[in-house]
Amino acid sequence: MHIRGLVLGAAALALSVTSATAMMRIADDRGGQIGPYLQAFATVRSSGERVVVDGNCLSACTLVLGLVPRERICATHRARFGFHAAWMPDRDGRPVTSTPGTQALWSIYPASVRQWINGHGGLSREMIFMQGQDLNGIVASCDRNGRDQVRSARRLTPNPVRYESASASSDRR
């Protein structure tokens, strides 16, 4: 009985170590519908995974900034976040701004991101980009943490991004 408890405890410890050291790498994500991103990033948050942003994270992908704890996200020098108002297609397929969708995005973003967005014209149909020095104070730099930089450069990510982009909120016109 005691040995069984030790084995089960060791297995639980191994699982927690594995999930806590797992990493999601975002390199070229154009975004999509909000729902799948809410699910994917909620899963990342509860799993303990770290997130490395190493390229474009646009539209709904930016929800990572509000859904995953800040201390588990870092950005390389190639990271670029793109923000715009949420939209849905009308009956003719033309994009129409979605006030409830935009409010949902806004409520999820942390205060520092909302402040940056307000300082750059707010959420509208036009994409605004946060990169380089603008990331200071919002997300940590992976480039300062040698382990993440090496893992990112080698593209060693145990868990690939687990969501599929949809076209409903992409930046296509």
N, C-alpha and C. Protein backbone atom coordinates (compact mmCIF):
# COMPACT_ATOMS: atom_id res chain seq x y z
N MET A 1 0.82 -1.18 0.00
CA MET A 1 0.00 0.00 0.00
C MET A 1 0.88 1.25 0.00
N HIS A 2 1.92 1.26 0.84
CA HIS A 2 2.82 2.40 0.92
C HIS A 2 3.58 2.59 -0.40
N ILE A 3 4.03 1.52 -1.01
CA ILE A 3 4.75 1.58 -2.29
C ILE A 3 3.82 2.10 -3.38
N ARG A 4 2.57 1.64 -3.38
CA ARG A 4 1.61 2.12 -4.38
C ARG A 4 1.44 3.64 -4.26
N GLY A 5 1.36 4.15 -3.05
CA GLY A 5 1.24 5.59 -2.82
C GLY A 5 2.47 6.33 -3.32
N LEU A 6 3.66 5.77 -3.10
CA LEU A 6 4.88 6.40 -3.59
C LEU A 6 4.91 6.43 -5.11
N VAL A 7 4.49 5.33 -5.74
CA VAL A 7 4.47 5.27 -7.21
C VAL A 7 3.49 6.29 -7.76
N LEU A 8 2.30 6.36 -7.20
CA LEU A 8 1.31 7.32 -7.66
C LEU A 8 1.79 8.76 -7.44
N GLY A 9 2.43 9.00 -6.30
CA GLY A 9 2.98 10.33 -6.02
C GLY A 9 4.08 10.71 -7.00
N ALA A 10 4.94 9.76 -7.33
CA ALA A 10 6.01 10.02 -8.30
C ALA A 10 5.44 10.29 -9.68
N ALA A 11 4.40 9.55 -10.05
CA ALA A 11 3.76 9.77 -11.35
C ALA A 11 3.14 11.15 -11.41
N ALA A 12 2.48 11.56 -10.35
CA ALA A 12 1.87 12.90 -10.32
C ALA A 12 2.95 13.97 -10.40
N LEU A 13 4.06 13.78 -9.70
CA LEU A 13 5.16 14.74 -9.75
C LEU A 13 5.74 14.80 -11.16
N ALA A 14 5.92 13.68 -11.80
CA ALA A 14 6.45 13.65 -13.17
C ALA A 14 5.52 14.40 -14.12
N LEU A 15 4.22 14.21 -13.98
CA LEU A 15 3.27 14.91 -14.84
C LEU A 15 3.33 16.41 -14.61
N SER A 16 3.43 16.83 -13.35
CA SER A 16 3.47 18.27 -13.07
C SER A 16 4.76 18.89 -13.58
N VAL A 17 5.87 18.19 -13.48
CA VAL A 17 7.13 18.71 -13.99
C VAL A 17 7.07 18.82 -15.51
N THR A 18 6.51 17.81 -16.16
CA THR A 18 6.40 17.82 -17.61
C THR A 18 5.55 18.98 -18.08
N SER A 19 4.37 19.18 -17.48
CA SER A 19 3.50 20.25 -17.95
C SER A 19 4.07 21.62 -17.61
N ALA A 20 4.74 21.74 -16.49
CA ALA A 20 5.29 23.04 -16.11
C ALA A 20 6.47 23.43 -16.99
N THR A 21 7.15 22.45 -17.58
CA THR A 21 8.28 22.78 -18.42
C THR A 21 7.91 22.75 -19.90
N ALA A 22 6.68 22.42 -20.22
CA ALA A 22 6.23 22.41 -21.61
C ALA A 22 6.16 23.85 -22.11
N MET A 23 6.25 23.99 -23.42
CA MET A 23 6.26 25.33 -23.99
C MET A 23 5.45 25.38 -25.28
N MET A 24 4.66 26.42 -25.41
CA MET A 24 3.95 26.71 -26.65
C MET A 24 4.72 27.82 -27.35
N ARG A 25 4.96 27.66 -28.63
CA ARG A 25 5.67 28.67 -29.41
C ARG A 25 4.70 29.25 -30.42
N ILE A 26 4.56 30.57 -30.42
CA ILE A 26 3.72 31.26 -31.38
C ILE A 26 4.65 32.03 -32.31
N ALA A 27 4.58 31.73 -33.61
CA ALA A 27 5.50 32.33 -34.56
C ALA A 27 4.81 33.09 -35.68
N ASP A 28 3.68 32.62 -36.14
CA ASP A 28 3.01 33.29 -37.25
C ASP A 28 1.52 33.01 -37.16
N ASP A 29 0.88 33.60 -36.16
CA ASP A 29 -0.53 33.35 -35.93
C ASP A 29 -1.33 34.58 -36.33
N ARG A 30 -2.18 34.43 -37.34
CA ARG A 30 -2.98 35.55 -37.86
C ARG A 30 -4.28 35.74 -37.08
N GLY A 31 -4.56 34.90 -36.11
CA GLY A 31 -5.77 35.05 -35.33
C GLY A 31 -6.93 34.30 -35.93
N GLY A 32 -8.12 34.63 -35.48
CA GLY A 32 -9.32 33.94 -35.93
C GLY A 32 -10.46 34.23 -34.98
N GLN A 33 -11.39 33.32 -34.90
CA GLN A 33 -12.52 33.49 -34.01
C GLN A 33 -12.04 33.44 -32.56
N ILE A 34 -12.69 34.22 -31.72
CA ILE A 34 -12.27 34.36 -30.32
C ILE A 34 -12.41 33.05 -29.54
N GLY A 35 -13.50 32.32 -29.74
CA GLY A 35 -13.80 31.12 -28.96
C GLY A 35 -12.67 30.10 -28.89
N PRO A 36 -12.13 29.66 -30.02
CA PRO A 36 -11.04 28.67 -29.95
C PRO A 36 -9.81 29.19 -29.20
N TYR A 37 -9.55 30.48 -29.29
CA TYR A 37 -8.41 31.05 -28.57
C TYR A 37 -8.67 31.08 -27.07
N LEU A 38 -9.90 31.40 -26.68
CA LEU A 38 -10.25 31.36 -25.26
C LEU A 38 -10.01 29.97 -24.70
N GLN A 39 -10.44 28.95 -25.44
CA GLN A 39 -10.25 27.56 -25.00
C GLN A 39 -8.78 27.18 -24.94
N ALA A 40 -8.05 27.48 -26.01
CA ALA A 40 -6.64 27.08 -26.08
C ALA A 40 -5.83 27.73 -24.97
N PHE A 41 -6.02 29.04 -24.77
CA PHE A 41 -5.21 29.73 -23.75
C PHE A 41 -5.66 29.41 -22.33
N ALA A 42 -6.93 29.06 -22.13
CA ALA A 42 -7.37 28.58 -20.81
C ALA A 42 -6.69 27.25 -20.50
N THR A 43 -6.55 26.40 -21.51
CA THR A 43 -5.86 25.12 -21.33
C THR A 43 -4.39 25.36 -21.00
N VAL A 44 -3.76 26.28 -21.71
CA VAL A 44 -2.35 26.61 -21.44
C VAL A 44 -2.21 27.14 -20.01
N ARG A 45 -3.12 28.03 -19.62
CA ARG A 45 -3.07 28.62 -18.27
C ARG A 45 -3.14 27.52 -17.21
N SER A 46 -4.07 26.59 -17.36
CA SER A 46 -4.23 25.55 -16.33
C SER A 46 -3.15 24.48 -16.40
N SER A 47 -2.49 24.33 -17.54
CA SER A 47 -1.46 23.30 -17.69
C SER A 47 -0.11 23.70 -17.09
N GLY A 48 0.11 24.99 -16.94
CA GLY A 48 1.41 25.45 -16.46
C GLY A 48 2.40 25.69 -17.58
N GLU A 49 1.98 25.52 -18.83
CA GLU A 49 2.86 25.73 -19.97
C GLU A 49 3.36 27.17 -20.02
N ARG A 50 4.55 27.32 -20.56
CA ARG A 50 5.10 28.63 -20.86
C ARG A 50 4.79 28.95 -22.32
N VAL A 51 4.73 30.23 -22.65
CA VAL A 51 4.46 30.66 -24.02
C VAL A 51 5.59 31.54 -24.49
N VAL A 52 6.16 31.21 -25.64
CA VAL A 52 7.19 32.02 -26.28
C VAL A 52 6.56 32.60 -27.54
N VAL A 53 6.53 33.93 -27.63
CA VAL A 53 6.04 34.59 -28.83
C VAL A 53 7.27 34.97 -29.64
N ASP A 54 7.36 34.39 -30.83
CA ASP A 54 8.57 34.51 -31.66
C ASP A 54 8.21 34.93 -33.08
N GLY A 55 7.26 35.83 -33.20
CA GLY A 55 6.80 36.29 -34.50
C GLY A 55 5.44 36.93 -34.34
N ASN A 56 4.63 36.87 -35.38
CA ASN A 56 3.30 37.49 -35.34
C ASN A 56 2.34 36.75 -34.42
N CYS A 57 1.64 37.51 -33.61
CA CYS A 57 0.53 37.05 -32.78
C CYS A 57 -0.54 38.13 -32.97
N LEU A 58 -1.42 37.89 -33.93
CA LEU A 58 -2.36 38.92 -34.36
C LEU A 58 -3.79 38.58 -33.95
N SER A 59 -4.59 39.63 -33.85
CA SER A 59 -6.03 39.49 -33.66
C SER A 59 -6.33 38.70 -32.38
N ALA A 60 -7.12 37.63 -32.48
CA ALA A 60 -7.52 36.86 -31.30
C ALA A 60 -6.33 36.21 -30.59
N CYS A 61 -5.22 36.01 -31.28
CA CYS A 61 -4.02 35.46 -30.65
C CYS A 61 -3.55 36.33 -29.49
N THR A 62 -3.80 37.64 -29.59
CA THR A 62 -3.35 38.57 -28.54
C THR A 62 -4.03 38.31 -27.20
N LEU A 63 -5.08 37.50 -27.19
CA LEU A 63 -5.73 37.15 -25.92
C LEU A 63 -4.77 36.44 -24.97
N VAL A 64 -3.69 35.89 -25.51
CA VAL A 64 -2.68 35.25 -24.67
C VAL A 64 -2.21 36.21 -23.57
N LEU A 65 -2.17 37.50 -23.88
CA LEU A 65 -1.68 38.50 -22.93
C LEU A 65 -2.57 38.63 -21.70
N GLY A 66 -3.84 38.27 -21.83
CA GLY A 66 -4.75 38.38 -20.70
C GLY A 66 -5.15 37.05 -20.10
N LEU A 67 -4.90 35.97 -20.80
CA LEU A 67 -5.35 34.66 -20.32
C LEU A 67 -4.26 33.80 -19.71
N VAL A 68 -3.03 34.01 -20.12
CA VAL A 68 -1.90 33.25 -19.56
C VAL A 68 -1.16 34.17 -18.60
N PRO A 69 -0.81 33.68 -17.42
CA PRO A 69 -0.10 34.54 -16.46
C PRO A 69 1.15 35.17 -17.08
N ARG A 70 1.31 36.44 -16.79
CA ARG A 70 2.40 37.24 -17.37
C ARG A 70 3.78 36.59 -17.17
N GLU A 71 3.98 35.99 -16.01
CA GLU A 71 5.29 35.40 -15.72
C GLU A 71 5.57 34.15 -16.56
N ARG A 72 4.58 33.67 -17.29
CA ARG A 72 4.78 32.49 -18.13
C ARG A 72 4.80 32.83 -19.62
N ILE A 73 4.88 34.12 -19.95
CA ILE A 73 4.94 34.55 -21.34
C ILE A 73 6.23 35.33 -21.55
N CYS A 74 6.90 35.08 -22.66
CA CYS A 74 8.03 35.92 -23.05
C CYS A 74 7.98 36.13 -24.54
N ALA A 75 8.66 37.17 -24.99
CA ALA A 75 8.68 37.52 -26.41
C ALA A 75 10.12 37.68 -26.87
N THR A 76 10.40 37.15 -28.05
CA THR A 76 11.72 37.33 -28.64
C THR A 76 11.74 38.68 -29.36
N HIS A 77 12.88 39.03 -29.93
CA HIS A 77 12.99 40.30 -30.66
C HIS A 77 12.15 40.29 -31.94
N ARG A 78 11.68 39.12 -32.36
CA ARG A 78 10.83 39.02 -33.56
C ARG A 78 9.34 39.13 -33.23
N ALA A 79 8.98 39.18 -31.96
CA ALA A 79 7.57 39.18 -31.56
C ALA A 79 6.85 40.45 -32.02
N ARG A 80 5.60 40.26 -32.48
CA ARG A 80 4.78 41.39 -32.89
C ARG A 80 3.32 41.03 -32.62
N PHE A 81 2.68 41.85 -31.78
CA PHE A 81 1.26 41.66 -31.46
C PHE A 81 0.46 42.65 -32.29
N GLY A 82 -0.64 42.18 -32.87
CA GLY A 82 -1.49 43.04 -33.69
C GLY A 82 -2.91 43.07 -33.13
N PHE A 83 -3.42 44.27 -32.88
CA PHE A 83 -4.73 44.45 -32.26
C PHE A 83 -5.68 45.17 -33.21
N HIS A 84 -6.94 44.78 -33.18
CA HIS A 84 -8.00 45.48 -33.90
C HIS A 84 -9.32 45.14 -33.25
N ALA A 85 -10.37 45.87 -33.59
CA ALA A 85 -11.71 45.58 -33.08
C ALA A 85 -12.18 44.24 -33.64
N ALA A 86 -12.99 43.55 -32.86
CA ALA A 86 -13.57 42.29 -33.33
C ALA A 86 -14.61 42.59 -34.40
N TRP A 87 -14.79 41.64 -35.30
CA TRP A 87 -15.81 41.81 -36.33
C TRP A 87 -16.41 40.48 -36.71
N MET A 88 -17.55 40.57 -37.36
CA MET A 88 -18.25 39.40 -37.86
C MET A 88 -18.73 39.72 -39.27
N PRO A 89 -18.90 38.71 -40.10
CA PRO A 89 -19.44 38.97 -41.43
C PRO A 89 -20.95 39.25 -41.36
N ASP A 90 -21.41 40.20 -42.17
CA ASP A 90 -22.86 40.43 -42.25
C ASP A 90 -23.47 39.41 -43.22
N ARG A 91 -24.73 39.57 -43.55
CA ARG A 91 -25.42 38.60 -44.42
C ARG A 91 -24.76 38.48 -45.79
N ASP A 92 -24.10 39.55 -46.22
CA ASP A 92 -23.43 39.54 -47.52
C ASP A 92 -21.95 39.16 -47.41
N GLY A 93 -21.51 38.83 -46.20
CA GLY A 93 -20.12 38.44 -45.99
C GLY A 93 -19.17 39.60 -45.74
N ARG A 94 -19.70 40.80 -45.69
CA ARG A 94 -18.84 41.98 -45.43
C ARG A 94 -18.60 42.10 -43.93
N PRO A 95 -17.39 42.54 -43.54
CA PRO A 95 -17.09 42.66 -42.11
C PRO A 95 -17.84 43.82 -41.47
N VAL A 96 -18.41 43.52 -40.29
CA VAL A 96 -19.10 44.52 -39.48
C VAL A 96 -18.52 44.43 -38.08
N THR A 97 -18.14 45.58 -37.52
CA THR A 97 -17.57 45.59 -36.17
C THR A 97 -18.55 44.98 -35.18
N SER A 98 -18.03 44.12 -34.33
CA SER A 98 -18.83 43.47 -33.29
C SER A 98 -18.54 44.16 -31.96
N THR A 99 -19.49 44.95 -31.50
CA THR A 99 -19.31 45.64 -30.21
C THR A 99 -19.16 44.64 -29.07
N PRO A 100 -20.02 43.61 -28.97
CA PRO A 100 -19.82 42.64 -27.87
C PRO A 100 -18.47 41.91 -27.96
N GLY A 101 -18.06 41.56 -29.17
CA GLY A 101 -16.76 40.89 -29.33
C GLY A 101 -15.60 41.79 -28.93
N THR A 102 -15.69 43.07 -29.33
CA THR A 102 -14.64 44.03 -28.98
C THR A 102 -14.62 44.25 -27.47
N GLN A 103 -15.79 44.32 -26.85
CA GLN A 103 -15.85 44.48 -25.39
C GLN A 103 -15.26 43.25 -24.68
N ALA A 104 -15.49 42.07 -25.25
CA ALA A 104 -14.92 40.85 -24.66
C ALA A 104 -13.40 40.90 -24.73
N LEU A 105 -12.85 41.28 -25.89
CA LEU A 105 -11.39 41.42 -26.00
C LEU A 105 -10.87 42.39 -24.95
N TRP A 106 -11.52 43.56 -24.90
CA TRP A 106 -11.09 44.63 -24.00
C TRP A 106 -11.08 44.18 -22.55
N SER A 107 -12.10 43.44 -22.16
CA SER A 107 -12.19 43.01 -20.75
C SER A 107 -11.14 41.98 -20.39
N ILE A 108 -10.62 41.26 -21.38
CA ILE A 108 -9.60 40.24 -21.11
C ILE A 108 -8.20 40.83 -21.07
N TYR A 109 -7.94 41.86 -21.86
CA TYR A 109 -6.60 42.44 -21.88
C TYR A 109 -6.24 43.04 -20.52
N PRO A 110 -5.00 42.88 -20.08
CA PRO A 110 -4.57 43.52 -18.83
C PRO A 110 -4.51 45.04 -19.01
N ALA A 111 -4.52 45.75 -17.90
CA ALA A 111 -4.55 47.22 -17.91
C ALA A 111 -3.41 47.81 -18.73
N SER A 112 -2.22 47.23 -18.65
CA SER A 112 -1.07 47.78 -19.39
C SER A 112 -1.29 47.69 -20.90
N VAL A 113 -1.93 46.63 -21.35
CA VAL A 113 -2.22 46.48 -22.79
C VAL A 113 -3.32 47.46 -23.19
N ARG A 114 -4.36 47.59 -22.37
CA ARG A 114 -5.43 48.55 -22.68
C ARG A 114 -4.88 49.97 -22.76
N GLN A 115 -3.97 50.30 -21.85
CA GLN A 115 -3.37 51.63 -21.86
C GLN A 115 -2.57 51.85 -23.16
N TRP A 116 -1.80 50.85 -23.57
CA TRP A 116 -1.03 50.97 -24.81
C TRP A 116 -1.98 51.13 -26.00
N ILE A 117 -3.03 50.32 -26.05
CA ILE A 117 -4.00 50.40 -27.15
C ILE A 117 -4.62 51.79 -27.20
N ASN A 118 -5.05 52.31 -26.05
CA ASN A 118 -5.64 53.66 -26.02
C ASN A 118 -4.65 54.70 -26.52
N GLY A 119 -3.39 54.55 -26.18
CA GLY A 119 -2.36 55.49 -26.61
C GLY A 119 -2.03 55.40 -28.10
N HIS A 120 -2.54 54.37 -28.74
CA HIS A 120 -2.27 54.17 -30.17
C HIS A 120 -3.55 54.17 -31.01
N GLY A 121 -4.56 54.85 -30.52
CA GLY A 121 -5.78 55.05 -31.30
C GLY A 121 -6.95 54.15 -30.95
N GLY A 122 -6.78 53.21 -30.04
CA GLY A 122 -7.88 52.32 -29.65
C GLY A 122 -8.10 51.19 -30.63
N LEU A 123 -9.08 50.36 -30.31
CA LEU A 123 -9.42 49.23 -31.17
C LEU A 123 -10.36 49.71 -32.27
N SER A 124 -9.95 49.51 -33.50
CA SER A 124 -10.74 49.91 -34.66
C SER A 124 -10.55 48.86 -35.75
N ARG A 125 -11.04 49.14 -36.94
CA ARG A 125 -10.84 48.21 -38.06
C ARG A 125 -9.38 48.11 -38.47
N GLU A 126 -8.61 49.14 -38.18
CA GLU A 126 -7.19 49.15 -38.54
C GLU A 126 -6.37 48.40 -37.49
N MET A 127 -5.48 47.57 -37.96
CA MET A 127 -4.58 46.82 -37.07
C MET A 127 -3.50 47.76 -36.55
N ILE A 128 -3.26 47.72 -35.25
CA ILE A 128 -2.13 48.44 -34.66
C ILE A 128 -1.18 47.39 -34.10
N PHE A 129 0.11 47.68 -34.20
CA PHE A 129 1.12 46.69 -33.85
C PHE A 129 1.94 47.12 -32.64
N MET A 130 2.12 46.18 -31.72
CA MET A 130 2.97 46.36 -30.55
C MET A 130 4.18 45.45 -30.74
N GLN A 131 5.36 46.05 -30.73
CA GLN A 131 6.59 45.27 -30.91
C GLN A 131 7.75 46.05 -30.34
N GLY A 132 8.90 45.42 -30.31
CA GLY A 132 10.13 46.08 -29.86
C GLY A 132 10.00 46.69 -28.47
N GLN A 133 10.39 47.95 -28.35
CA GLN A 133 10.40 48.64 -27.07
C GLN A 133 9.01 48.75 -26.44
N ASP A 134 7.96 48.74 -27.27
CA ASP A 134 6.59 48.81 -26.74
C ASP A 134 6.26 47.63 -25.84
N LEU A 135 6.98 46.53 -25.98
CA LEU A 135 6.71 45.35 -25.17
C LEU A 135 7.26 45.46 -23.75
N ASN A 136 8.18 46.40 -23.54
CA ASN A 136 8.76 46.58 -22.20
C ASN A 136 7.66 46.86 -21.19
N GLY A 137 7.66 46.11 -20.11
CA GLY A 137 6.68 46.28 -19.05
C GLY A 137 5.38 45.53 -19.32
N ILE A 138 5.24 44.97 -20.50
CA ILE A 138 4.02 44.23 -20.82
C ILE A 138 4.30 42.73 -20.83
N VAL A 139 5.41 42.36 -21.45
CA VAL A 139 5.80 40.95 -21.51
C VAL A 139 7.32 40.87 -21.41
N ALA A 140 7.80 39.86 -20.72
CA ALA A 140 9.25 39.69 -20.54
C ALA A 140 9.92 39.34 -21.86
N SER A 141 11.19 39.63 -21.94
CA SER A 141 11.98 39.30 -23.12
C SER A 141 12.54 37.89 -22.96
N CYS A 142 12.31 37.05 -23.95
CA CYS A 142 12.92 35.71 -23.96
C CYS A 142 14.41 35.83 -24.22
N ASP A 143 14.79 36.88 -24.93
CA ASP A 143 16.18 37.06 -25.32
C ASP A 143 17.09 37.26 -24.11
N ARG A 144 16.51 37.66 -22.99
CA ARG A 144 17.30 37.80 -21.74
C ARG A 144 17.44 36.48 -21.02
N ASN A 145 16.60 35.52 -21.37
CA ASN A 145 16.62 34.21 -20.73
C ASN A 145 17.20 33.22 -21.74
N GLY A 146 18.46 32.90 -21.61
CA GLY A 146 19.17 32.07 -22.58
C GLY A 146 18.49 30.76 -22.90
N ARG A 147 17.89 30.12 -21.92
CA ARG A 147 17.25 28.82 -22.17
C ARG A 147 16.10 28.96 -23.16
N ASP A 148 15.23 29.96 -22.96
CA ASP A 148 14.12 30.13 -23.88
C ASP A 148 14.60 30.53 -25.26
N GLN A 149 15.64 31.35 -25.32
CA GLN A 149 16.14 31.79 -26.61
C GLN A 149 16.67 30.59 -27.40
N VAL A 150 17.45 29.74 -26.75
CA VAL A 150 18.00 28.58 -27.43
C VAL A 150 16.88 27.64 -27.85
N ARG A 151 15.94 27.37 -26.97
CA ARG A 151 14.85 26.46 -27.31
C ARG A 151 14.03 27.02 -28.46
N SER A 152 13.81 28.33 -28.46
CA SER A 152 13.03 28.94 -29.52
C SER A 152 13.80 28.89 -30.84
N ALA A 153 15.09 29.21 -30.79
CA ALA A 153 15.89 29.22 -32.01
C ALA A 153 15.96 27.82 -32.62
N ARG A 154 15.99 26.81 -31.78
CA ARG A 154 16.04 25.44 -32.29
C ARG A 154 14.65 24.91 -32.61
N ARG A 155 13.64 25.69 -32.29
CA ARG A 155 12.25 25.31 -32.53
C ARG A 155 11.89 24.02 -31.80
N LEU A 156 12.42 23.88 -30.61
CA LEU A 156 12.11 22.71 -29.80
C LEU A 156 10.92 23.04 -28.91
N THR A 157 9.76 22.69 -29.35
CA THR A 157 8.57 22.93 -28.56
C THR A 157 7.83 21.62 -28.41
N PRO A 158 7.70 21.15 -27.18
CA PRO A 158 7.06 19.87 -26.97
C PRO A 158 5.58 19.85 -27.37
N ASN A 159 4.91 20.98 -27.29
CA ASN A 159 3.49 21.03 -27.63
C ASN A 159 3.26 22.10 -28.68
N PRO A 160 2.90 21.70 -29.89
CA PRO A 160 2.60 22.71 -30.91
C PRO A 160 1.33 23.46 -30.54
N VAL A 161 1.12 24.59 -31.17
CA VAL A 161 -0.09 25.36 -30.94
C VAL A 161 -1.27 24.45 -31.25
N ARG A 162 -2.25 24.41 -30.33
CA ARG A 162 -3.35 23.44 -30.43
C ARG A 162 -4.65 24.06 -30.92
N TYR A 163 -4.58 25.13 -31.64
CA TYR A 163 -5.82 25.71 -32.14
C TYR A 163 -5.67 25.98 -33.62
N GLU A 164 -6.78 26.07 -34.28
CA GLU A 164 -6.77 26.36 -35.70
C GLU A 164 -7.32 27.75 -35.91
N SER A 165 -6.69 28.50 -36.77
CA SER A 165 -7.18 29.82 -37.09
C SER A 165 -8.42 29.71 -37.96
N ALA A 166 -9.36 30.58 -37.70
CA ALA A 166 -10.55 30.68 -38.55
C ALA A 166 -10.51 32.04 -39.22
N SER A 167 -11.28 32.22 -40.26
CA SER A 167 -11.17 33.46 -41.03
C SER A 167 -12.08 34.56 -40.54
N ALA A 168 -12.91 34.33 -39.55
CA ALA A 168 -13.92 35.32 -39.17
C ALA A 168 -13.33 36.63 -38.68
N SER A 169 -12.15 36.61 -38.07
CA SER A 169 -11.61 37.89 -37.61
C SER A 169 -10.21 38.12 -38.12
N SER A 170 -9.88 37.54 -39.26
CA SER A 170 -8.57 37.80 -39.82
C SER A 170 -8.53 39.20 -40.38
N ASP A 171 -7.36 39.64 -40.77
CA ASP A 171 -7.20 41.02 -41.23
C ASP A 171 -7.41 41.16 -42.74
N ARG A 172 -8.00 40.16 -43.38
CA ARG A 172 -8.21 40.24 -44.82
C ARG A 172 -9.31 41.22 -45.15
N ARG A 173 -9.17 41.89 -46.29
CA ARG A 173 -10.19 42.86 -46.70
C ARG A 173 -10.64 42.57 -48.09
